[in-house]
Amino acid sequence: MNRSSGILMHITSLPSPYGIGSLGREAYEFIDFLEAAGQKFWQVLPITPIGYGDSPYQSLSTFAGNPLLIDLNLLREEGWLRTQDFEGIDFGSNKEKVDYDKIFQNKLPLLRKVFFRGKEKYKDKIADFRQKHQGWLEDYGLYMALKFHFNLKAWYQWEEGIKLRRESAIAGYKKKLKGEMDYWIFLQYLFYHQWEALKKYANSKGIKMIGDLPIYVAEDSVDTWASSEIFLLDAKKKPLQVAGCPPDAFSKSGQLWGNPLYRWEVLEKRGFDWWIERIAGSRRLYDVIRLDHFRGLESFWAVPYGEKTAEGGTWMKGPGMKLLKAIKEKLGKVDVIVEDLGFLTSEVIALREESGYPGMKVLQFAFDPGEESIYLPHNYVKNCVVYTGTHDNDTVMGWRQSENQKNIKFARQYLKLDEEEGYHWGFIRGAWSSVANLAVAPLQDFIGLSSEGRMNIPSTVGGNWRWRVKKEYLTEELSKKIYAITKLYYR
């Protein structure tokens, strides 16, 4: 990876007249903004269908695209939606927040109209699409049809036969819900068509897409339902142990994520086939993959199912280099950034070094005057990616308001922060001037937003993943300022 820089902003955060960012004109305009600002990367969060808590990290599928990101204006321009279709529809009036309830209630019916109007014309293209993605698409279509048939209940609350995927139940529901299956598969065709066109445009401008791949999948997902044999479930498909993080200085009871864990021994016997296809699918969508919770490949925290906190968990060994070597043997070189934040043992560091993948440095974590942090820029190596903050951090300006004064004083001294430049620009300067091959900052930090621009507060549910950027923030003046600091530090 050559010396370069990029901006982190999820698709949902784009401006849009329809309440949520999408894959349409505003996304193309943001690519133009990135080009004018001299950036080489656009990093997004998972673009898969959102699940519990509206979180892209609790997705209903690791392979499918989020249908809520399909752009309605592109469909209108193609003649599949009409002006009268939008009359009386409320997508939410807040230009800075996504109202997921309104989007869910109002966007999907519009997409259903497109399905009824377009399914015959697109019949041959959809057949080709089904053939190309047959490894996951049919299961996804059936899963979504079943989910709505059972009033959005999780799959493990469905009736016994289909929950356990008995052949007779599968055959019966495929026949009964064929129209609904076709609808959800049609939406995937639309999503992939729009995403691939957008990515092609970005690449034509010299901009690469960085996509996020969570290490775990959600319990309520087509992946867990359709591939239950690779997860640590009992005979009735209930998890035996779930994922989390042990107690630490930030959380006395640890973090209980609740995701099902993998049966790594089963996956290894199968040559890690499911994981290889997962990486291959992500590589088709993105130029670079950010692998979330990389340390879980070395060892992971396993919490007995039903526990209220993560305190009772134990460390268990992950697949390590066996998985990474299998991926390389099957797929060749894959461009990966590993999320190696948190408590790192010598074994995790050794795994990262052997993999050759760049790890992450978060500047907000650096400024504890009581110890010399690995996140201080003078400790960086070139083969890393530095962030001012991530989607899980507060913005720099929010950090300034909430962080203790000792840490802020240290940051002021280290980065020579002052009011005239702005603390957020001082952090960006610290990242951009470092030796890290890649420097990335959330768009909120370039704009200088306070905590109102925060994307997520970890270990909380509700009110997250909602931030949207006002169109008036994306000015020529801002792009020129970003370009200037990028050119100054040869990124």
Protein backbone atom coordinates (compact mmCIF):
# COMPACT_ATOMS: atom_id res chain seq x y z
CA MET A 1 0.00 0.00 0.00
CA ASN A 2 1.51 3.30 -1.12
CA ARG A 3 1.48 6.42 1.06
CA SER A 4 -2.08 7.70 0.77
CA SER A 5 -5.18 8.81 2.66
CA GLY A 6 -8.93 8.48 2.71
CA ILE A 7 -12.22 9.38 4.35
CA LEU A 8 -14.49 7.17 6.46
CA MET A 9 -18.21 7.66 5.94
CA HIS A 10 -20.95 5.08 5.60
CA ILE A 11 -23.37 5.08 2.65
CA THR A 12 -26.32 5.76 4.96
CA SER A 13 -24.70 9.07 5.99
CA LEU A 14 -24.90 10.58 2.51
CA PRO A 15 -27.39 13.41 1.85
CA SER A 16 -30.61 12.24 0.22
CA PRO A 17 -34.19 13.50 -0.25
CA TYR A 18 -35.42 10.07 0.89
CA GLY A 19 -34.23 9.95 4.49
CA ILE A 20 -31.17 7.71 4.09
CA GLY A 21 -27.99 7.79 2.03
CA SER A 22 -28.07 5.57 -1.05
CA LEU A 23 -26.13 4.48 -4.13
CA GLY A 24 -27.34 7.31 -6.32
CA ARG A 25 -26.28 10.79 -7.41
CA GLU A 26 -25.10 11.94 -3.98
CA ALA A 27 -22.73 8.96 -3.76
CA TYR A 28 -21.25 9.85 -7.16
CA GLU A 29 -20.91 13.47 -6.05
CA PHE A 30 -19.08 12.35 -2.92
CA ILE A 31 -16.63 10.44 -5.10
CA ASP A 32 -16.08 13.69 -7.02
CA PHE A 33 -15.51 15.41 -3.67
CA LEU A 34 -12.93 12.76 -2.71
CA GLU A 35 -11.15 13.21 -6.01
CA ALA A 36 -11.05 17.01 -5.61
CA ALA A 37 -9.73 16.53 -2.06
CA GLY A 38 -6.87 14.33 -3.31
CA GLN A 39 -8.09 11.21 -1.54
CA LYS A 40 -7.46 7.64 -2.70
CA PHE A 41 -9.83 5.71 -0.43
CA TRP A 42 -13.47 5.77 0.64
CA GLN A 43 -14.06 3.55 3.67
CA VAL A 44 -17.60 2.38 4.43
CA LEU A 45 -19.20 0.24 7.13
CA PRO A 46 -20.73 -3.14 6.22
CA ILE A 47 -23.19 -2.68 3.34
CA THR A 48 -25.09 -5.84 4.27
CA PRO A 49 -28.76 -5.88 5.45
CA ILE A 50 -29.08 -4.37 8.92
CA GLY A 51 -30.46 -6.37 11.81
CA TYR A 52 -30.88 -5.90 15.56
CA GLY A 53 -30.52 -2.28 16.66
CA ASP A 54 -30.22 -1.11 13.02
CA SER A 55 -26.60 -2.23 13.23
CA PRO A 56 -24.63 -3.14 10.10
CA TYR A 57 -22.56 -5.36 12.43
CA GLN A 58 -25.62 -7.51 13.24
CA SER A 59 -26.50 -8.25 9.64
CA LEU A 60 -29.13 -10.64 8.35
CA SER A 61 -26.65 -11.90 5.74
CA THR A 62 -22.90 -11.73 5.23
CA PHE A 63 -23.27 -11.95 1.43
CA ALA A 64 -26.35 -9.85 0.62
CA GLY A 65 -26.51 -6.10 0.12
CA ASN A 66 -28.71 -3.79 2.18
CA PRO A 67 -31.84 -3.10 0.06
CA LEU A 68 -32.43 0.15 1.98
CA LEU A 69 -29.35 1.53 0.16
CA ILE A 70 -30.94 1.10 -3.28
CA ASP A 71 -31.36 4.54 -4.85
CA LEU A 72 -34.92 5.53 -5.72
CA ASN A 73 -34.02 8.39 -8.07
CA LEU A 74 -32.07 6.03 -10.33
CA LEU A 75 -35.14 3.78 -10.48
CA ARG A 76 -37.33 6.79 -11.27
CA GLU A 77 -34.95 7.86 -14.07
CA GLU A 78 -35.16 4.36 -15.49
CA GLY A 79 -38.96 4.59 -15.49
CA TRP A 80 -39.70 2.04 -12.76
CA LEU A 81 -41.04 4.61 -10.29
CA ARG A 82 -43.37 7.52 -10.99
CA THR A 83 -43.80 10.88 -9.31
CA GLN A 84 -47.19 9.90 -7.91
CA ASP A 85 -45.60 6.87 -6.20
CA PHE A 86 -43.90 9.27 -3.76
CA GLU A 87 -46.98 11.30 -2.85
CA GLY A 88 -47.75 11.34 0.88
CA ILE A 89 -44.69 9.26 1.83
CA ASP A 90 -42.75 10.37 4.90
CA PHE A 91 -39.09 9.32 4.89
CA GLY A 92 -38.28 11.49 7.90
CA SER A 93 -37.72 15.22 8.08
CA ASN A 94 -34.37 15.32 9.92
CA LYS A 95 -31.58 15.86 7.39
CA GLU A 96 -28.96 14.86 9.99
CA LYS A 97 -30.50 11.61 11.28
CA VAL A 98 -31.86 8.46 9.66
CA ASP A 99 -35.31 7.41 10.89
CA TYR A 100 -35.00 3.68 10.31
CA ASP A 101 -38.61 2.92 11.24
CA LYS A 102 -39.91 5.26 8.55
CA ILE A 103 -37.40 4.05 5.98
CA PHE A 104 -38.32 0.43 6.67
CA GLN A 105 -42.05 1.12 6.52
CA ASN A 106 -42.00 3.31 3.40
CA LYS A 107 -39.08 2.33 1.17
CA LEU A 108 -39.70 -1.40 0.88
CA PRO A 109 -43.26 -0.92 -0.54
CA LEU A 110 -41.82 1.35 -3.24
CA LEU A 111 -39.24 -1.28 -4.11
CA ARG A 112 -42.06 -3.84 -4.34
CA LYS A 113 -43.70 -1.68 -7.02
CA VAL A 114 -40.42 -1.75 -8.95
CA PHE A 115 -40.42 -5.54 -8.63
CA PHE A 116 -43.91 -5.93 -10.09
CA ARG A 117 -43.16 -3.51 -12.92
CA GLY A 118 -39.69 -4.77 -13.75
CA LYS A 119 -39.55 -8.50 -13.02
CA GLU A 120 -40.54 -9.56 -16.55
CA LYS A 121 -38.22 -7.16 -18.36
CA TYR A 122 -35.29 -8.09 -16.11
CA LYS A 123 -36.14 -11.81 -16.18
CA ASP A 124 -33.08 -12.94 -18.16
CA LYS A 125 -30.67 -10.69 -16.23
CA ILE A 126 -32.07 -11.92 -12.92
CA ALA A 127 -31.66 -15.53 -14.07
CA ASP A 128 -28.00 -14.80 -14.84
CA PHE A 129 -27.63 -13.08 -11.46
CA ARG A 130 -29.14 -16.08 -9.66
CA GLN A 131 -26.73 -18.39 -11.44
CA LYS A 132 -23.73 -16.22 -10.57
CA HIS A 133 -24.63 -16.00 -6.86
CA GLN A 134 -26.33 -19.36 -6.38
CA GLY A 135 -24.05 -20.27 -3.44
CA TRP A 136 -25.93 -17.92 -1.12
CA LEU A 137 -28.75 -16.17 -2.97
CA GLU A 138 -31.47 -18.84 -2.88
CA ASP A 139 -31.04 -19.37 0.85
CA TYR A 140 -31.17 -15.61 1.39
CA GLY A 141 -34.35 -15.23 -0.66
CA LEU A 142 -36.05 -18.03 1.24
CA TYR A 143 -34.83 -16.73 4.60
CA MET A 144 -36.22 -13.22 3.98
CA ALA A 145 -39.51 -14.59 2.67
CA LEU A 146 -39.80 -16.77 5.77
CA LYS A 147 -38.85 -13.92 8.10
CA PHE A 148 -41.75 -11.83 6.86
CA HIS A 149 -44.05 -14.87 6.77
CA PHE A 150 -43.33 -15.37 10.49
CA ASN A 151 -43.86 -11.67 11.33
CA LEU A 152 -40.14 -10.82 11.48
CA LYS A 153 -39.38 -13.37 14.19
CA ALA A 154 -35.83 -14.72 14.39
CA TRP A 155 -35.37 -18.04 12.56
CA TYR A 156 -34.91 -19.98 15.79
CA GLN A 157 -38.49 -18.97 16.71
CA TRP A 158 -39.99 -20.40 13.52
CA GLU A 159 -41.91 -23.66 13.42
CA GLU A 160 -39.76 -26.72 14.03
CA GLY A 161 -39.55 -28.16 10.53
CA ILE A 162 -38.29 -25.09 8.77
CA LYS A 163 -36.17 -23.99 11.74
CA LEU A 164 -34.28 -27.27 11.46
CA ARG A 165 -34.30 -27.08 7.62
CA ARG A 166 -36.00 -30.41 7.06
CA GLU A 167 -36.17 -31.20 3.34
CA SER A 168 -39.95 -31.44 3.24
CA ALA A 169 -40.34 -28.07 4.97
CA ILE A 170 -37.80 -26.42 2.66
CA ALA A 171 -39.56 -27.76 -0.43
CA GLY A 172 -43.00 -26.78 0.87
CA TYR A 173 -42.07 -23.22 1.76
CA LYS A 174 -40.14 -22.68 -1.48
CA LYS A 175 -43.33 -23.51 -3.35
CA LYS A 176 -45.58 -21.51 -1.03
CA LEU A 177 -43.37 -18.40 -0.87
CA LYS A 178 -41.96 -18.41 -4.41
CA GLY A 179 -43.23 -14.89 -5.17
CA GLU A 180 -41.69 -13.48 -2.01
CA MET A 181 -38.41 -15.25 -2.67
CA ASP A 182 -38.35 -13.74 -6.14
CA TYR A 183 -38.96 -10.28 -4.66
CA TRP A 184 -36.03 -10.44 -2.25
CA ILE A 185 -33.75 -11.86 -4.93
CA PHE A 186 -34.84 -9.08 -7.29
CA LEU A 187 -33.81 -6.50 -4.68
CA GLN A 188 -30.37 -8.10 -4.53
CA TYR A 189 -30.11 -7.77 -8.31
CA LEU A 190 -30.93 -4.05 -8.01
CA PHE A 191 -28.48 -3.54 -5.16
CA TYR A 192 -25.58 -5.29 -6.88
CA HIS A 193 -26.30 -3.49 -10.16
CA GLN A 194 -26.18 -0.08 -8.46
CA TRP A 195 -23.19 -0.91 -6.21
CA GLU A 196 -21.06 -2.29 -9.02
CA ALA A 197 -21.73 0.82 -11.14
CA LEU A 198 -20.78 3.08 -8.22
CA LYS A 199 -17.58 1.16 -7.47
CA LYS A 200 -16.62 1.24 -11.15
CA TYR A 201 -17.04 5.03 -11.11
CA ALA A 202 -14.92 5.35 -7.95
CA ASN A 203 -12.16 3.21 -9.44
CA SER A 204 -12.23 5.29 -12.64
CA LYS A 205 -11.43 8.31 -10.45
CA GLY A 206 -8.49 6.53 -8.82
CA ILE A 207 -10.43 5.89 -5.61
CA LYS A 208 -10.58 2.48 -3.94
CA MET A 209 -13.38 1.25 -1.70
CA ILE A 210 -12.52 -0.11 1.76
CA GLY A 211 -15.26 -2.36 3.10
CA ASP A 212 -15.80 -3.69 6.60
CA LEU A 213 -16.09 -7.42 7.32
CA PRO A 214 -17.17 -8.35 10.87
CA ILE A 215 -15.49 -11.54 12.08
CA TYR A 216 -18.78 -12.88 13.47
CA VAL A 217 -22.28 -13.12 12.01
CA ALA A 218 -25.54 -12.47 13.82
CA GLU A 219 -27.45 -15.28 15.51
CA ASP A 220 -30.53 -14.15 13.60
CA SER A 221 -29.04 -14.42 10.12
CA VAL A 222 -29.38 -16.60 7.07
CA ASP A 223 -25.75 -17.63 7.60
CA THR A 224 -26.42 -19.19 11.01
CA TRP A 225 -29.68 -20.75 9.82
CA ALA A 226 -28.43 -22.18 6.53
CA SER A 227 -24.92 -23.16 7.67
CA SER A 228 -25.62 -24.11 11.28
CA GLU A 229 -23.15 -27.00 11.17
CA ILE A 230 -20.19 -24.57 11.22
CA PHE A 231 -21.43 -22.77 14.35
CA LEU A 232 -21.27 -23.81 18.00
CA LEU A 233 -24.97 -24.74 18.34
CA ASP A 234 -26.70 -27.64 20.06
CA ALA A 235 -29.09 -30.12 18.42
CA LYS A 236 -31.96 -27.65 18.72
CA LYS A 237 -29.87 -24.86 17.11
CA LYS A 238 -29.36 -22.97 20.34
CA PRO A 239 -25.86 -21.49 20.87
CA LEU A 240 -23.64 -23.25 23.38
CA GLN A 241 -21.30 -20.28 23.75
CA VAL A 242 -21.32 -16.77 22.29
CA ALA A 243 -18.79 -14.06 21.48
CA GLY A 244 -17.69 -11.17 23.65
CA CYS A 245 -14.75 -9.42 25.27
CA PRO A 246 -13.42 -9.98 28.80
CA PRO A 247 -13.61 -7.33 31.53
CA ASP A 248 -11.03 -4.55 31.19
CA ALA A 249 -10.36 -0.97 32.26
CA PHE A 250 -13.16 0.27 29.98
CA SER A 251 -15.83 -2.28 30.96
CA LYS A 252 -15.88 -3.97 34.37
CA SER A 253 -18.22 -6.72 33.18
CA GLY A 254 -16.75 -7.06 29.69
CA GLN A 255 -18.72 -6.87 26.46
CA LEU A 256 -21.34 -9.49 25.65
CA TRP A 257 -21.87 -9.40 21.87
CA GLY A 258 -23.96 -12.57 21.70
CA ASN A 259 -22.81 -13.72 18.24
CA PRO A 260 -22.56 -17.48 17.73
CA LEU A 261 -19.02 -18.84 17.64
CA TYR A 262 -17.52 -20.98 14.88
CA ARG A 263 -16.73 -24.68 15.03
CA TRP A 264 -13.25 -24.05 13.71
CA GLU A 265 -12.40 -27.76 13.70
CA VAL A 266 -15.32 -28.40 11.32
CA LEU A 267 -14.31 -25.51 9.08
CA GLU A 268 -10.71 -26.71 8.99
CA LYS A 269 -11.77 -30.20 7.86
CA ARG A 270 -13.71 -28.55 5.03
CA GLY A 271 -10.74 -26.44 3.99
CA PHE A 272 -12.35 -23.30 5.46
CA ASP A 273 -14.69 -23.28 2.44
CA TRP A 274 -17.36 -20.98 3.92
CA TRP A 275 -14.78 -18.41 5.02
CA ILE A 276 -13.01 -18.51 1.66
CA GLU A 277 -16.28 -17.85 -0.15
CA ARG A 278 -17.02 -15.06 2.33
CA ILE A 279 -13.70 -13.36 1.61
CA ALA A 280 -14.18 -13.90 -2.13
CA GLY A 281 -17.62 -12.27 -1.92
CA SER A 282 -16.22 -9.28 -0.05
CA ARG A 283 -13.37 -8.92 -2.54
CA ARG A 284 -15.93 -8.69 -5.35
CA LEU A 285 -17.57 -5.79 -3.51
CA TYR A 286 -14.51 -3.93 -2.21
CA ASP A 287 -10.94 -3.16 -3.21
CA VAL A 288 -9.68 -3.51 0.38
CA ILE A 289 -11.26 -5.48 3.25
CA ARG A 290 -11.08 -4.28 6.85
CA LEU A 291 -11.28 -7.44 8.97
CA ASP A 292 -12.97 -6.57 12.24
CA HIS A 293 -11.80 -8.16 15.54
CA PHE A 294 -8.74 -9.79 14.00
CA ARG A 295 -7.49 -10.95 17.40
CA GLY A 296 -10.37 -13.43 17.44
CA LEU A 297 -8.55 -15.47 14.82
CA GLU A 298 -5.74 -16.09 17.31
CA SER A 299 -7.93 -16.61 20.39
CA PHE A 300 -11.46 -15.56 21.26
CA TRP A 301 -13.52 -14.97 24.37
CA ALA A 302 -16.26 -17.61 24.67
CA VAL A 303 -19.15 -16.88 27.04
CA PRO A 304 -21.68 -19.56 28.04
CA TYR A 305 -25.03 -18.91 26.36
CA GLY A 306 -27.54 -17.25 28.67
CA GLU A 307 -25.00 -15.34 30.77
CA LYS A 308 -25.98 -11.73 31.51
CA THR A 309 -22.39 -10.41 31.29
CA ALA A 310 -19.13 -11.49 29.65
CA GLU A 311 -17.37 -12.09 33.00
CA GLY A 312 -17.78 -15.87 32.94
CA GLY A 313 -16.08 -16.42 29.61
CA THR A 314 -12.87 -18.26 28.76
CA TRP A 315 -10.20 -17.86 26.08
CA MET A 316 -10.30 -20.41 23.27
CA LYS A 317 -7.87 -20.84 20.37
CA GLY A 318 -8.78 -19.62 16.91
CA PRO A 319 -7.57 -20.95 13.53
CA GLY A 320 -4.66 -18.49 13.23
CA MET A 321 -2.49 -18.79 10.13
CA LYS A 322 -4.25 -21.98 9.01
CA LEU A 323 -7.22 -19.88 7.89
CA LEU A 324 -5.13 -17.07 6.41
CA LYS A 325 -2.95 -19.52 4.46
CA ALA A 326 -6.03 -21.32 3.12
CA ILE A 327 -7.47 -18.00 1.92
CA LYS A 328 -4.20 -17.09 0.18
CA GLU A 329 -3.89 -20.50 -1.44
CA LYS A 330 -7.41 -20.29 -2.89
CA LEU A 331 -7.70 -16.57 -3.66
CA GLY A 332 -4.14 -15.31 -4.01
CA LYS A 333 -3.30 -11.88 -2.65
CA VAL A 334 -6.19 -10.15 -0.88
CA ASP A 335 -5.76 -6.57 0.31
CA VAL A 336 -6.71 -6.58 3.99
CA ILE A 337 -6.54 -4.15 6.93
CA VAL A 338 -6.82 -5.90 10.30
CA GLU A 339 -8.60 -4.35 13.26
CA ASP A 340 -6.12 -5.21 15.99
CA LEU A 341 -7.31 -2.78 18.66
CA GLY A 342 -7.65 -3.58 22.35
CA PHE A 343 -5.57 -5.91 24.49
CA LEU A 344 -2.96 -7.55 22.27
CA THR A 345 -0.95 -10.55 23.40
CA SER A 346 2.39 -11.48 21.91
CA GLU A 347 0.59 -14.27 20.03
CA VAL A 348 -1.83 -11.83 18.38
CA ILE A 349 1.03 -9.52 17.40
CA ALA A 350 2.95 -12.48 15.99
CA LEU A 351 -0.09 -13.53 13.92
CA ARG A 352 -0.48 -10.03 12.50
CA GLU A 353 3.23 -9.86 11.67
CA GLU A 354 3.23 -13.27 9.99
CA SER A 355 0.13 -12.35 7.98
CA GLY A 356 1.84 -9.21 6.69
CA TYR A 357 -1.44 -7.29 6.95
CA PRO A 358 -1.35 -3.70 8.25
CA GLY A 359 -2.88 -3.13 11.68
CA MET A 360 -4.74 -0.07 12.99
CA LYS A 361 -3.67 2.90 15.09
CA VAL A 362 -6.30 5.20 16.59
CA LEU A 363 -4.98 8.60 17.55
CA GLN A 364 -7.67 9.20 20.19
CA PHE A 365 -6.27 6.24 22.16
CA ALA A 366 -2.75 7.68 22.32
CA PHE A 367 -2.84 10.37 24.96
CA ASP A 368 -2.47 8.85 28.39
CA PRO A 369 0.50 10.68 29.99
CA GLY A 370 1.01 7.80 32.43
CA GLU A 371 2.32 5.41 29.78
CA GLU A 372 3.91 5.42 26.36
CA SER A 373 1.17 4.27 24.04
CA ILE A 374 1.58 2.21 20.87
CA TYR A 375 -0.89 4.67 19.33
CA LEU A 376 1.51 7.62 19.59
CA PRO A 377 2.77 8.40 16.04
CA HIS A 378 6.46 8.14 16.96
CA ASN A 379 5.84 4.43 17.64
CA TYR A 380 4.24 3.68 14.24
CA VAL A 381 5.69 1.51 11.51
CA LYS A 382 4.90 2.18 7.87
CA ASN A 383 2.79 -0.95 7.51
CA CYS A 384 -0.20 0.35 9.45
CA VAL A 385 -3.31 2.47 9.02
CA VAL A 386 -3.82 5.47 11.31
CA TYR A 387 -7.27 6.83 12.15
CA THR A 388 -8.15 9.99 14.05
CA GLY A 389 -11.09 7.89 15.28
CA THR A 390 -13.39 5.13 14.03
CA HIS A 391 -17.17 4.66 13.85
CA ASP A 392 -17.02 3.51 17.50
CA ASN A 393 -15.23 6.66 18.73
CA ASP A 394 -16.63 10.04 19.52
CA THR A 395 -15.60 12.73 17.08
CA VAL A 396 -12.37 14.59 17.88
CA MET A 397 -14.33 17.64 19.01
CA GLY A 398 -16.60 15.42 21.11
CA TRP A 399 -13.51 13.74 22.56
CA ARG A 400 -12.16 17.13 23.52
CA GLN A 401 -15.30 17.90 25.52
CA SER A 402 -15.49 14.56 27.35
CA GLU A 403 -11.85 13.43 27.79
CA ASN A 404 -10.04 14.08 31.08
CA GLN A 405 -7.90 17.20 31.21
CA LYS A 406 -4.57 15.37 31.69
CA ASN A 407 -5.02 13.53 28.42
CA ILE A 408 -6.12 16.67 26.62
CA LYS A 409 -3.09 18.55 27.92
CA PHE A 410 -0.80 15.79 26.68
CA ALA A 411 -2.50 15.84 23.26
CA ARG A 412 -2.08 19.61 23.08
CA GLN A 413 1.62 19.32 23.82
CA TYR A 414 2.23 16.37 21.51
CA LEU A 415 0.26 17.58 18.49
CA LYS A 416 0.67 21.34 19.16
CA LEU A 417 -3.10 21.75 19.18
CA ASP A 418 -4.59 25.22 19.27
CA GLU A 419 -7.93 26.92 18.82
CA GLU A 420 -6.96 28.78 15.66
CA GLU A 421 -6.20 25.64 13.67
CA GLY A 422 -8.92 23.66 15.43
CA TYR A 423 -8.33 20.50 17.46
CA HIS A 424 -9.86 18.35 14.72
CA TRP A 425 -7.42 19.67 12.12
CA GLY A 426 -4.57 19.17 14.58
CA PHE A 427 -5.54 15.49 14.89
CA ILE A 428 -5.79 15.16 11.11
CA ARG A 429 -2.36 16.77 10.79
CA GLY A 430 -0.99 14.28 13.35
CA ALA A 431 -2.35 11.36 11.35
CA TRP A 432 -1.47 12.69 7.90
CA SER A 433 2.11 13.60 8.92
CA SER A 434 2.82 10.17 10.43
CA VAL A 435 4.81 7.39 8.71
CA ALA A 436 1.70 5.18 8.41
CA ASN A 437 1.16 4.14 4.80
CA LEU A 438 -2.53 5.01 5.02
CA ALA A 439 -4.23 7.76 7.04
CA VAL A 440 -8.02 7.87 7.42
CA ALA A 441 -10.36 10.24 9.24
CA PRO A 442 -14.16 10.18 9.56
CA LEU A 443 -15.85 12.92 7.56
CA GLN A 444 -17.21 14.32 10.84
CA ASP A 445 -13.65 15.20 11.89
CA PHE A 446 -12.96 17.11 8.69
CA ILE A 447 -16.16 19.08 9.24
CA GLY A 448 -15.38 19.63 12.92
CA LEU A 449 -18.60 18.23 14.36
CA SER A 450 -18.99 17.57 18.07
CA SER A 451 -20.74 14.54 19.59
CA GLU A 452 -23.88 15.17 17.53
CA GLY A 453 -21.90 13.62 14.66
CA ARG A 454 -21.06 10.41 16.49
CA MET A 455 -22.02 7.25 14.59
CA ASN A 456 -22.06 4.63 17.36
CA ILE A 457 -21.68 4.25 21.12
CA PRO A 458 -20.49 0.66 21.74
CA SER A 459 -22.54 -1.56 24.06
CA THR A 460 -25.67 0.57 23.57
CA VAL A 461 -28.75 -0.19 21.48
CA GLY A 462 -30.96 2.44 19.89
CA GLY A 463 -30.06 5.81 18.45
CA ASN A 464 -26.89 4.57 16.74
CA TRP A 465 -25.92 4.43 13.04
CA ARG A 466 -28.14 7.42 12.29
CA TRP A 467 -25.81 10.34 11.48
CA ARG A 468 -26.15 12.01 8.08
CA VAL A 469 -24.08 14.79 6.55
CA LYS A 470 -25.75 17.98 5.37
CA LYS A 471 -25.06 18.62 1.72
CA GLU A 472 -23.92 22.17 2.48
CA TYR A 473 -20.95 20.82 4.47
CA LEU A 474 -19.37 19.28 1.36
CA THR A 475 -18.01 22.53 -0.02
CA GLU A 476 -15.29 23.31 -2.51
CA GLU A 477 -13.51 25.17 0.28
CA LEU A 478 -13.39 22.01 2.42
CA SER A 479 -12.15 19.84 -0.45
CA LYS A 480 -9.37 22.35 -1.14
CA LYS A 481 -8.36 22.36 2.52
CA ILE A 482 -8.22 18.56 2.61
CA TYR A 483 -6.25 18.56 -0.65
CA ALA A 484 -3.74 21.03 0.78
CA ILE A 485 -2.91 18.97 3.88
CA THR A 486 -2.84 15.81 1.81
CA LYS A 487 -0.36 17.31 -0.66
CA LEU A 488 1.70 18.81 2.19
CA TYR A 489 2.39 15.38 3.65
CA TYR A 490 2.76 13.60 0.28
CA ARG A 491 -0.28 11.44 0.62
